[in-house]
Amino acid sequence: MELRQLRYFVKVCELRSMGRAAVELGVVTSALSQQISRLEGELATRLLRRSSSGVVPTDAGVAFLHQAQLVLRHADDAVLAAQQARLSGHVSVGLAPTTATVLGVPLMRAMRERYPDVRLHMVEALSGHLTSMLQARQLDLAVLFQTDTPRRWSVTPLLAEKLFVIASPTLAQRPTGARVRLAQLAGLPLILPSGSHGLRATLMAAFARARIAPNIVAEVDGLALLMDAVRAGHGATIQPGAATARHDRDDLQLTQIADAHVGRRNLLVSLSDDELSPAALATRVVVADTGRALVREGRWAGASLLET
């Protein structure tokens, strides 16, 4: 099996056409088709089939495509590293919006200091979407909140976050004091993420355990808009302390949820070690170091370190 064959196969899948792929690759269609046939012969399985929409991968082809893309990316990174004689390449990191608020810029700064030739691709999205992107090999690593990850992935406990009721001081129904229990929040108007958000599922399970029905007055999935609505006094929200990192604390009142079972674990999740490039392996260390440093320095509100 040759890298050339992998490049040919990936290009055909991208363009869904042997002819168009041949033109872009600068080869004749017959030569391209011959290389694909050799690849299928070596693998003893059919990788492509013709359909009404063009040439598409079979089920085996889809599985092979993901791995072929990964191999080609690592090969390109290896060439760059050899040429520059130092660690380089491209690494994609996924962070949820609240995590990105506190970790994003410090991570970029740390990577620039340690590995200036590694190009960092930062993706901010909901945790569930980040999981899907990892499965599709669109990310190398991500900070996630759920533990139901494939066994082949590398999972490192990073930190635990307390959750807070966050409200404008002008909201009459806001809780008073430093701590509050969920059972005391039955009448509080809440602005929460929608059901697709992992935090919403966590909160609904906690409310059910406390045997109360929350008073949800609005659902907002974007963190910036949600916090703007809270600051405007349209309702309170329940979020980790990191959600307030970009806001003036004078405009917000934070009251910690006292229930022991209410919180969120942050896990550093990546593809398995043998699937990660040297640059991605190095970046994983930097993500963990940066997150833990922020907690130790008191710059990650409500967070505590988890045992690895």
Protein backbone atom coordinates (compact mmCIF):
# COMPACT_ATOMS: atom_id res chain seq x y z
CA MET A 1 0.00 0.00 0.00
CA GLU A 2 1.37 3.41 -1.00
CA LEU A 3 0.63 6.92 0.25
CA ARG A 4 -0.13 7.80 -3.36
CA GLN A 5 -2.98 5.30 -3.40
CA LEU A 6 -4.37 6.74 -0.18
CA ARG A 7 -4.26 10.26 -1.65
CA TYR A 8 -6.01 9.06 -4.79
CA PHE A 9 -8.74 7.31 -2.79
CA VAL A 10 -9.34 10.30 -0.49
CA LYS A 11 -9.57 12.68 -3.46
CA VAL A 12 -12.12 10.48 -5.24
CA CYS A 13 -14.22 10.39 -2.06
CA GLU A 14 -14.01 14.17 -1.70
CA LEU A 15 -15.02 14.90 -5.30
CA ARG A 16 -17.30 11.85 -5.84
CA SER A 17 -15.93 11.52 -9.36
CA MET A 18 -13.04 9.59 -10.90
CA GLY A 19 -12.77 12.07 -13.75
CA ARG A 20 -12.70 15.21 -11.61
CA ALA A 21 -10.28 13.59 -9.15
CA ALA A 22 -7.97 12.60 -12.02
CA VAL A 23 -7.93 16.19 -13.33
CA GLU A 24 -7.15 17.65 -9.91
CA LEU A 25 -4.46 15.06 -9.24
CA GLY A 26 -2.89 15.53 -12.67
CA VAL A 27 -3.24 11.89 -13.79
CA VAL A 28 -5.30 10.14 -16.45
CA THR A 29 -8.55 8.54 -15.30
CA SER A 30 -7.43 5.04 -16.29
CA ALA A 31 -4.30 5.31 -14.14
CA LEU A 32 -6.33 6.55 -11.20
CA SER A 33 -8.86 3.75 -11.58
CA GLN A 34 -6.04 1.20 -11.78
CA GLN A 35 -4.49 2.40 -8.53
CA ILE A 36 -7.86 2.25 -6.75
CA SER A 37 -8.38 -1.29 -8.06
CA ARG A 38 -4.95 -2.32 -6.76
CA LEU A 39 -5.79 -0.85 -3.38
CA GLU A 40 -9.09 -2.76 -3.27
CA GLY A 41 -7.28 -5.92 -4.33
CA GLU A 42 -4.74 -5.57 -1.56
CA LEU A 43 -7.50 -5.01 1.00
CA ALA A 44 -9.70 -7.73 -0.53
CA THR A 45 -12.79 -5.53 -0.29
CA ARG A 46 -14.72 -3.06 -2.39
CA LEU A 47 -14.10 0.55 -1.30
CA LEU A 48 -16.11 2.51 -3.90
CA ARG A 49 -19.40 2.11 -5.73
CA ARG A 50 -21.24 4.14 -8.33
CA SER A 51 -24.53 5.82 -7.42
CA SER A 52 -26.87 8.43 -8.84
CA SER A 53 -24.82 11.11 -7.09
CA GLY A 54 -21.48 9.84 -8.40
CA VAL A 55 -18.79 7.62 -6.91
CA VAL A 56 -19.33 7.06 -3.18
CA PRO A 57 -17.52 4.93 -0.59
CA THR A 58 -18.99 1.64 0.59
CA ASP A 59 -19.32 0.97 4.33
CA ALA A 60 -15.80 -0.47 4.23
CA GLY A 61 -14.72 2.56 2.23
CA VAL A 62 -16.07 4.99 4.84
CA ALA A 63 -14.17 3.19 7.60
CA PHE A 64 -11.02 3.13 5.48
CA LEU A 65 -11.44 6.82 4.53
CA HIS A 66 -11.24 8.01 8.14
CA GLN A 67 -8.02 6.12 8.73
CA ALA A 68 -6.55 7.13 5.36
CA GLN A 69 -7.14 10.81 6.13
CA LEU A 70 -5.42 10.34 9.49
CA VAL A 71 -2.41 8.59 7.90
CA LEU A 72 -2.01 11.31 5.26
CA ARG A 73 -2.23 14.04 7.85
CA HIS A 74 0.43 12.40 10.00
CA ALA A 75 2.62 11.89 6.93
CA ASP A 76 2.36 15.56 6.04
CA ASP A 77 3.18 16.54 9.62
CA ALA A 78 6.18 14.21 9.59
CA VAL A 79 7.50 15.84 6.42
CA LEU A 80 7.16 19.30 7.96
CA ALA A 81 8.86 18.19 11.17
CA ALA A 82 11.76 16.69 9.24
CA GLN A 83 12.12 19.81 7.14
CA GLN A 84 12.07 22.19 10.08
CA ALA A 85 13.98 19.91 12.48
CA ARG A 86 11.62 20.72 15.34
CA LEU A 87 8.09 19.84 16.43
CA SER A 88 5.51 21.16 14.02
CA GLY A 89 2.24 20.25 12.42
CA HIS A 90 -1.45 20.89 12.87
CA VAL A 91 -3.49 20.05 15.99
CA SER A 92 -7.24 20.54 16.48
CA VAL A 93 -8.61 21.06 20.01
CA GLY A 94 -12.30 21.21 20.94
CA LEU A 95 -13.65 23.18 23.90
CA ALA A 96 -17.19 23.81 25.12
CA PRO A 97 -18.13 27.52 25.30
CA THR A 98 -17.74 27.83 29.08
CA THR A 99 -14.42 25.97 28.98
CA ALA A 100 -13.17 28.08 26.08
CA THR A 101 -13.99 31.22 28.06
CA VAL A 102 -11.40 30.44 30.71
CA LEU A 103 -8.99 28.00 28.99
CA GLY A 104 -8.90 29.14 25.37
CA VAL A 105 -6.56 32.14 25.41
CA PRO A 106 -4.18 30.75 28.09
CA LEU A 107 -3.86 27.56 26.02
CA MET A 108 -3.04 29.51 22.86
CA ARG A 109 -0.44 31.51 24.78
CA ALA A 110 1.15 28.38 26.28
CA MET A 111 1.31 26.67 22.88
CA ARG A 112 2.92 29.72 21.30
CA GLU A 113 5.59 29.73 24.02
CA ARG A 114 6.35 25.99 23.95
CA TYR A 115 5.69 24.97 20.35
CA PRO A 116 5.60 28.03 18.08
CA ASP A 117 5.62 25.90 14.91
CA VAL A 118 2.55 23.87 15.85
CA ARG A 119 -0.54 25.37 14.23
CA LEU A 120 -3.44 25.19 16.66
CA HIS A 121 -7.01 24.84 15.40
CA MET A 122 -9.47 25.73 18.17
CA VAL A 123 -13.10 24.61 17.88
CA GLU A 124 -15.77 25.97 20.25
CA ALA A 125 -18.93 23.83 20.30
CA LEU A 126 -21.28 21.93 22.58
CA SER A 127 -19.77 18.90 24.27
CA GLY A 128 -21.98 16.46 22.34
CA HIS A 129 -20.91 17.97 19.03
CA LEU A 130 -17.26 17.77 20.07
CA THR A 131 -17.73 14.06 20.78
CA SER A 132 -19.11 13.55 17.27
CA MET A 133 -16.18 15.45 15.79
CA LEU A 134 -13.72 13.24 17.68
CA GLN A 135 -15.47 10.15 16.35
CA ALA A 136 -15.18 11.55 12.81
CA ARG A 137 -11.46 12.28 13.34
CA GLN A 138 -12.12 16.01 12.89
CA LEU A 139 -10.53 16.72 16.26
CA ASP A 140 -7.41 15.36 17.91
CA LEU A 141 -8.50 16.10 21.46
CA ALA A 142 -11.21 17.87 23.42
CA VAL A 143 -12.33 18.72 26.93
CA LEU A 144 -15.60 16.85 27.49
CA PHE A 145 -18.01 16.33 30.38
CA GLN A 146 -19.40 12.85 29.73
CA THR A 147 -17.67 9.57 30.49
CA ASP A 148 -19.40 7.32 27.92
CA THR A 149 -16.50 7.53 25.48
CA PRO A 150 -15.16 4.68 23.30
CA ARG A 151 -12.58 2.47 25.00
CA ARG A 152 -10.03 3.17 22.29
CA TRP A 153 -9.90 6.84 23.32
CA SER A 154 -7.52 8.24 25.91
CA VAL A 155 -9.40 9.81 28.85
CA THR A 156 -7.68 11.83 31.57
CA PRO A 157 -9.65 13.33 34.51
CA LEU A 158 -8.82 17.02 34.60
CA LEU A 159 -10.95 19.01 37.04
CA ALA A 160 -14.36 19.25 38.72
CA GLU A 161 -16.53 22.36 38.62
CA LYS A 162 -19.10 23.57 41.11
CA LEU A 163 -22.28 24.99 39.65
CA PHE A 164 -23.66 28.40 40.57
CA VAL A 165 -26.93 30.27 40.34
CA ILE A 166 -25.92 33.36 38.38
CA ALA A 167 -28.25 36.36 38.44
CA SER A 168 -28.37 40.11 38.13
CA PRO A 169 -28.49 41.93 41.49
CA THR A 170 -31.71 43.52 40.18
CA LEU A 171 -33.55 40.18 39.92
CA ALA A 172 -35.99 40.16 42.85
CA GLN A 173 -36.30 36.35 43.06
CA ARG A 174 -32.55 35.72 43.19
CA PRO A 175 -31.26 33.61 46.10
CA THR A 176 -29.46 35.38 48.91
CA GLY A 177 -26.37 34.18 50.71
CA ALA A 178 -23.32 32.33 49.46
CA ARG A 179 -24.94 28.91 49.01
CA VAL A 180 -28.37 27.57 48.08
CA ARG A 181 -29.96 24.15 47.65
CA LEU A 182 -31.86 23.16 44.51
CA ALA A 183 -35.01 22.60 46.56
CA GLN A 184 -35.06 26.35 47.27
CA LEU A 185 -35.14 27.30 43.57
CA ALA A 186 -38.65 26.15 42.63
CA GLY A 187 -39.94 29.66 41.87
CA LEU A 188 -36.77 31.14 40.41
CA PRO A 189 -37.15 32.15 36.72
CA LEU A 190 -34.39 30.31 34.90
CA ILE A 191 -32.74 30.79 31.51
CA LEU A 192 -31.09 27.48 30.58
CA PRO A 193 -29.57 25.80 27.53
CA SER A 194 -31.93 23.58 25.54
CA GLY A 195 -32.25 19.83 25.90
CA SER A 196 -29.42 19.14 23.45
CA HIS A 197 -26.95 20.61 25.92
CA GLY A 198 -25.22 18.23 28.34
CA LEU A 199 -25.50 20.69 31.23
CA ARG A 200 -29.28 20.83 30.80
CA ALA A 201 -29.51 17.05 31.16
CA THR A 202 -27.37 17.20 34.29
CA LEU A 203 -29.56 19.92 35.81
CA MET A 204 -32.86 18.22 34.98
CA ALA A 205 -31.65 15.02 36.64
CA ALA A 206 -30.62 17.03 39.69
CA PHE A 207 -33.98 18.83 39.87
CA ALA A 208 -35.80 15.50 39.59
CA ARG A 209 -33.71 14.17 42.44
CA ALA A 210 -34.67 17.24 44.49
CA ARG A 211 -38.34 16.60 43.53
CA ILE A 212 -39.02 20.06 42.14
CA ALA A 213 -39.97 21.35 38.70
CA PRO A 214 -37.75 24.25 37.61
CA ASN A 215 -39.38 27.45 36.33
CA ILE A 216 -37.69 27.71 32.91
CA VAL A 217 -38.70 30.97 31.23
CA ALA A 218 -36.33 30.81 28.24
CA GLU A 219 -33.86 28.49 26.52
CA VAL A 220 -30.65 29.88 25.02
CA ASP A 221 -27.84 27.73 23.59
CA GLY A 222 -25.33 30.53 22.96
CA LEU A 223 -23.34 31.43 26.07
CA ALA A 224 -22.88 35.12 25.16
CA LEU A 225 -26.62 35.71 24.57
CA LEU A 226 -27.57 33.69 27.65
CA MET A 227 -25.33 35.78 29.89
CA ASP A 228 -26.58 39.02 28.30
CA ALA A 229 -30.14 37.97 29.14
CA VAL A 230 -29.13 37.21 32.73
CA ARG A 231 -27.37 40.55 33.11
CA ALA A 232 -30.50 42.28 31.75
CA GLY A 233 -32.54 40.68 34.55
CA HIS A 234 -34.76 38.43 32.43
CA GLY A 235 -33.96 35.47 34.66
CA ALA A 236 -31.18 33.63 36.42
CA THR A 237 -29.13 30.75 35.06
CA ILE A 238 -27.17 27.82 36.46
CA GLN A 239 -23.67 27.49 35.07
CA PRO A 240 -20.11 26.73 36.19
CA GLY A 241 -18.14 29.73 37.40
CA ALA A 242 -16.17 29.77 34.14
CA ALA A 243 -19.26 31.20 32.41
CA THR A 244 -18.58 34.54 34.09
CA ALA A 245 -14.92 34.82 33.08
CA ARG A 246 -15.67 37.43 30.39
CA HIS A 247 -18.11 39.44 32.49
CA ASP A 248 -17.83 42.13 35.14
CA ARG A 249 -18.64 40.40 38.42
CA ASP A 250 -20.26 43.63 39.71
CA ASP A 251 -23.10 42.99 37.25
CA LEU A 252 -23.66 39.44 38.45
CA GLN A 253 -24.34 37.63 41.70
CA LEU A 254 -23.02 34.06 42.08
CA THR A 255 -24.56 31.66 44.59
CA GLN A 256 -23.05 28.19 44.80
CA ILE A 257 -25.34 25.15 44.55
CA ALA A 258 -24.87 23.36 47.87
CA ASP A 259 -26.16 19.93 46.82
CA ALA A 260 -23.15 17.59 46.91
CA HIS A 261 -24.11 15.68 43.74
CA VAL A 262 -24.53 18.79 41.57
CA GLY A 263 -21.40 19.59 39.57
CA ARG A 264 -19.53 18.86 36.38
CA ARG A 265 -16.39 16.82 35.68
CA ASN A 266 -14.02 17.97 32.94
CA LEU A 267 -12.23 15.18 31.08
CA LEU A 268 -9.36 15.58 28.65
CA VAL A 269 -10.28 13.16 25.85
CA SER A 270 -8.25 12.34 22.75
CA LEU A 271 -7.82 9.73 20.10
CA SER A 272 -5.65 6.81 21.20
CA ASP A 273 -1.93 7.51 21.53
CA ASP A 274 -1.04 5.53 18.42
CA GLU A 275 -3.42 7.71 16.37
CA LEU A 276 -2.03 11.03 17.56
CA SER A 277 0.81 12.87 15.88
CA PRO A 278 3.82 13.97 17.99
CA ALA A 279 2.42 17.51 17.90
CA ALA A 280 -0.96 16.33 19.19
CA LEU A 281 0.66 14.31 21.99
CA ALA A 282 2.61 17.40 23.04
CA THR A 283 -0.50 19.58 22.86
CA ARG A 284 -2.40 17.19 25.11
CA VAL A 285 0.22 17.72 27.80
CA VAL A 286 -0.01 21.50 27.39
CA VAL A 287 -3.82 21.44 27.70
CA ALA A 288 -3.60 19.49 30.96
CA ASP A 289 -0.79 21.65 32.35
CA THR A 290 -2.58 24.89 31.47
CA GLY A 291 -5.92 23.81 32.94
CA ARG A 292 -4.35 22.64 36.18
CA ALA A 293 -2.29 25.83 36.48
CA LEU A 294 -5.45 27.94 36.11
CA VAL A 295 -7.09 25.99 38.94
CA ARG A 296 -4.04 26.23 41.23
CA GLU A 297 -3.77 29.98 40.59
CA GLY A 298 -7.45 30.53 41.42
CA ARG A 299 -8.27 31.67 37.88
CA TRP A 300 -10.91 28.98 37.23
CA ALA A 301 -13.86 29.88 39.47
CA GLY A 302 -15.37 26.98 41.38
CA ALA A 303 -12.92 24.41 39.98
CA SER A 304 -10.86 21.80 41.82
CA LEU A 305 -8.38 19.29 40.47
CA LEU A 306 -9.30 15.65 39.92
CA GLU A 307 -6.97 12.78 40.69
CA THR A 308 -5.43 11.31 37.50
